[in-house]
Structure formats: structure tokens, C-alpha cells
Amino acid sequence: MTRPGWRSRGYLPHCDADGLVQHIVFRLADSLPSAVMARTARLTKIERFATCDQALDAGIGSAVLRSPAAARVVIDAFTTFDAERYALIAWCVMPNHVHVVIEPIGDHLLGAVVKSWKAFSAARINAMLRRSGRLWAPEYFDRFMRVLTPNMDLFADARVQLLNEPEPLSRLSR
């Protein structure tokens, strides 16, 4: 199957190509309030990402993933199809966002994989909390990873970032 390569729905660009290992971040809908987003409007792209990262790490919003039961639902969502739809390399569940490093397998597109995680976990967590409505923000951030030289450790940067997150429930493999 030929993957779509670069694409965008008008928000963030995504790259889905054969052989790419992807570091994916998705967040709760209330994790970046409008005041934070308004502050980022005049910033450069790099400053905007740094500001959003700081806000996410501050645990703003409902932070429902701080609950071990809610975090477990998210973990179950992405461990269920490990080795079938993707190779799950590492993950880190934060109180208001999630980091996952995967390599898609076969014809399973990155967007469809993330959509399935979010749909499954939103339905379960909303039921657990006896609430309804949007749990996840509509987009996700992905960064593909590649080896620049034969001696580079492909996962070193992702491991450092995941291990340095405050309050993580995390697992690294490979």
C-alpha cells in the first residue's frame, strides 16, 4: 500500500510514509485553554510549540488522566493492537496528554490508528466519569523520526523526552 505522505486538514501537517517511526502527542480538549492559545498567536512556530509544551506539562484542565483508572483505559487503547497495526515502541501518559512512539505496520494509516485510540478511550473514560462530550482535542501532533547516521540511536531523543516528563505513567521498549 502506498501511504499518503504529507497531508493536512488545515490544522497541523502530518507525514504518513512507509518505514517512519512516529512520535505522537494527543491531548485532552481542555488542556490548552483559549487564553494560552491566544498568547501563542503572535509567536514563532518554535516558540508556540514550547509554550504549548509548558502549558501541557503544567497539567492545566481537568487532567482526568491523573486517575490511574482513566490512564489505564488509554494504555489499553494503544497496547491492544501492538504488533498487529503498529509496533509500539514507547508511551507516556500524562495528566492531560499522551505521548506514543510507534511504527505503523502494513496498510494501517497513522490517522486511523490515532482516531481509534481516541474514540475507544473517550467512550470508556466518559462512561467511567459519568459524563458526555468531547474528551480529546480534535488534532494530534506527530513527528517522524529517522536515523541520520548508522551509529545514531533512533529512539534516544524520544526516550529522553518521555523520561523527563513530570508525573508520567510510562513504558519504554526496544
Protein backbone atom coordinates (compact mmCIF):
# COMPACT_ATOMS: atom_id res chain seq x y z
CA MET A 1 0.00 0.00 0.00
CA THR A 2 1.19 3.49 -0.75
CA ARG A 3 0.92 5.81 2.23
CA PRO A 4 -0.35 9.36 1.67
CA GLY A 5 2.91 11.12 2.65
CA TRP A 6 2.34 14.72 3.75
CA ARG A 7 -1.23 15.82 4.39
CA SER A 8 -3.16 18.38 6.42
CA ARG A 9 -6.78 19.11 7.28
CA GLY A 10 -5.92 22.77 7.75
CA TYR A 11 -4.50 22.43 11.26
CA LEU A 12 -1.27 20.56 11.74
CA PRO A 13 0.63 18.87 8.90
CA HIS A 14 1.08 15.10 9.20
CA CYS A 15 3.50 12.78 7.46
CA ASP A 16 2.49 9.15 6.96
CA ALA A 17 5.06 7.33 4.84
CA ASP A 18 6.41 3.78 4.75
CA GLY A 19 9.07 2.95 7.31
CA LEU A 20 8.61 6.02 9.52
CA VAL A 21 8.70 5.76 13.26
CA GLN A 22 6.29 8.34 14.66
CA HIS A 23 6.28 10.22 17.97
CA ILE A 24 2.63 11.17 18.50
CA VAL A 25 1.20 13.56 21.08
CA PHE A 26 -2.53 13.98 21.67
CA ARG A 27 -4.19 15.96 24.43
CA LEU A 28 -7.41 16.44 26.36
CA ALA A 29 -9.78 19.03 24.89
CA ASP A 30 -9.49 21.34 27.92
CA SER A 31 -5.70 21.11 28.30
CA LEU A 32 -4.87 24.29 26.37
CA PRO A 33 -7.41 26.98 27.30
CA SER A 34 -8.21 29.80 24.89
CA ALA A 35 -6.08 32.22 26.95
CA VAL A 36 -3.00 30.06 26.35
CA MET A 37 -3.81 29.68 22.66
CA ALA A 38 -4.34 33.45 22.29
CA ARG A 39 -0.88 34.07 23.77
CA THR A 40 0.68 31.80 21.14
CA ALA A 41 -0.88 33.56 18.13
CA ARG A 42 1.96 36.06 17.73
CA LEU A 43 4.78 33.63 18.49
CA THR A 44 7.06 31.85 16.05
CA LYS A 45 6.34 28.18 15.37
CA ILE A 46 9.11 27.05 17.72
CA GLU A 47 8.01 29.43 20.49
CA ARG A 48 4.39 28.29 20.02
CA PHE A 49 5.33 24.62 20.46
CA ALA A 50 7.47 25.42 23.52
CA THR A 51 4.63 27.43 25.10
CA CYS A 52 2.13 24.63 24.45
CA ASP A 53 4.55 22.02 25.85
CA GLN A 54 5.00 24.07 29.04
CA ALA A 55 1.24 24.51 29.41
CA LEU A 56 0.62 20.79 28.89
CA ASP A 57 3.31 19.85 31.40
CA ALA A 58 1.67 22.21 33.93
CA GLY A 59 -1.34 19.87 33.94
CA ILE A 60 -3.91 22.53 33.04
CA GLY A 61 -7.54 21.50 32.66
CA SER A 62 -9.46 18.57 34.10
CA ALA A 63 -6.36 16.34 33.93
CA VAL A 64 -8.58 13.23 34.05
CA LEU A 65 -5.64 11.05 33.06
CA ARG A 66 -4.17 11.65 36.51
CA SER A 67 -6.62 8.95 37.60
CA PRO A 68 -4.89 5.55 37.28
CA ALA A 69 -8.16 4.02 36.02
CA ALA A 70 -8.50 6.60 33.22
CA ALA A 71 -4.81 6.29 32.33
CA ARG A 72 -5.23 2.51 32.17
CA VAL A 73 -8.01 2.91 29.58
CA VAL A 74 -5.66 4.94 27.36
CA ILE A 75 -2.85 2.43 27.84
CA ASP A 76 -5.21 -0.41 26.91
CA ALA A 77 -6.22 1.50 23.77
CA PHE A 78 -2.73 1.55 22.34
CA THR A 79 -1.43 -1.75 23.69
CA THR A 80 -4.36 -3.72 22.22
CA PHE A 81 -3.14 -3.63 18.61
CA ASP A 82 0.61 -3.64 19.29
CA ALA A 83 2.35 -5.90 16.74
CA GLU A 84 -0.83 -6.04 14.64
CA ARG A 85 -1.43 -2.46 13.42
CA TYR A 86 1.84 -0.93 14.64
CA ALA A 87 4.95 -1.67 16.66
CA LEU A 88 4.51 0.10 20.00
CA ILE A 89 7.94 1.40 20.95
CA ALA A 90 7.30 3.71 23.91
CA TRP A 91 4.50 5.56 25.63
CA CYS A 92 3.92 8.06 28.40
CA VAL A 93 0.51 9.04 29.81
CA MET A 94 0.50 12.48 31.43
CA PRO A 95 -2.40 14.02 33.40
CA ASN A 96 -3.70 15.91 30.34
CA HIS A 97 -1.87 14.49 27.31
CA VAL A 98 -0.27 11.34 25.91
CA HIS A 99 3.00 10.57 24.10
CA VAL A 100 3.25 7.42 21.97
CA VAL A 101 6.09 6.24 19.71
CA ILE A 102 5.03 3.70 17.08
CA GLU A 103 5.94 2.32 13.69
CA PRO A 104 2.77 1.61 11.66
CA ILE A 105 2.53 -1.86 10.14
CA GLY A 106 1.05 -2.75 6.75
CA ASP A 107 -1.84 -0.66 5.49
CA HIS A 108 -2.76 0.87 8.88
CA LEU A 109 -2.64 4.63 8.43
CA LEU A 110 -1.43 6.85 11.25
CA GLY A 111 -4.58 9.00 11.33
CA ALA A 112 -6.83 5.95 11.57
CA VAL A 113 -4.72 4.47 14.37
CA VAL A 114 -4.85 7.68 16.43
CA LYS A 115 -8.58 8.06 15.74
CA SER A 116 -9.23 4.53 17.04
CA TRP A 117 -7.25 5.20 20.25
CA LYS A 118 -9.12 8.43 20.88
CA ALA A 119 -12.59 7.04 20.09
CA PHE A 120 -12.13 3.91 22.23
CA SER A 121 -10.64 5.75 25.21
CA ALA A 122 -13.10 8.67 25.06
CA ALA A 123 -16.11 6.34 25.17
CA ARG A 124 -14.69 4.35 28.10
CA ILE A 125 -13.41 7.32 30.12
CA ASN A 126 -16.60 9.34 29.62
CA ALA A 127 -18.66 6.33 30.79
CA MET A 128 -16.35 5.84 33.78
CA LEU A 129 -16.72 9.51 34.75
CA ARG A 130 -20.47 9.51 34.00
CA ARG A 131 -20.10 12.38 31.57
CA SER A 132 -20.53 13.01 27.87
CA GLY A 133 -19.00 15.33 25.34
CA ARG A 134 -15.59 15.84 23.83
CA LEU A 135 -12.71 14.33 25.77
CA TRP A 136 -9.85 14.77 23.28
CA ALA A 137 -8.75 17.82 21.30
CA PRO A 138 -9.53 17.25 17.59
CA GLU A 139 -5.94 17.15 16.31
CA TYR A 140 -2.73 15.37 17.25
CA PHE A 141 0.92 16.24 16.79
CA ASP A 142 3.27 13.79 15.13
CA ARG A 143 6.97 13.94 14.45
CA PHE A 144 8.59 11.30 12.32
CA MET A 145 11.97 10.04 13.42
CA ARG A 146 14.82 8.88 11.26
CA VAL A 147 18.41 7.72 11.61
CA LEU A 148 20.83 10.23 10.12
CA THR A 149 23.93 8.06 10.54
CA PRO A 150 24.28 4.32 11.09
CA ASN A 151 25.55 4.88 14.67
CA MET A 152 22.72 7.17 15.84
CA ASP A 153 20.23 5.84 18.34
CA LEU A 154 16.87 6.44 16.67
CA PHE A 155 14.98 6.48 19.94
CA ALA A 156 17.38 8.46 22.16
CA ASP A 157 15.57 11.81 21.84
CA ALA A 158 12.15 10.24 22.38
CA ARG A 159 13.38 8.33 25.44
CA VAL A 160 14.87 11.47 26.96
CA GLN A 161 11.68 13.45 26.38
CA LEU A 162 9.40 10.72 27.74
CA LEU A 163 11.55 10.07 30.79
CA ASN A 164 11.80 13.77 31.61
CA GLU A 165 8.03 14.36 31.63
CA PRO A 166 6.68 15.25 35.08
CA GLU A 167 4.27 12.69 36.63
CA PRO A 168 4.38 10.13 33.80
CA LEU A 169 2.92 6.68 33.69
CA SER A 170 5.31 5.40 31.07
CA ARG A 171 6.85 2.38 29.43
CA LEU A 172 9.76 2.10 27.06
CA SER A 173 10.56 -0.89 24.93
CA ARG A 174 13.16 -1.86 22.33
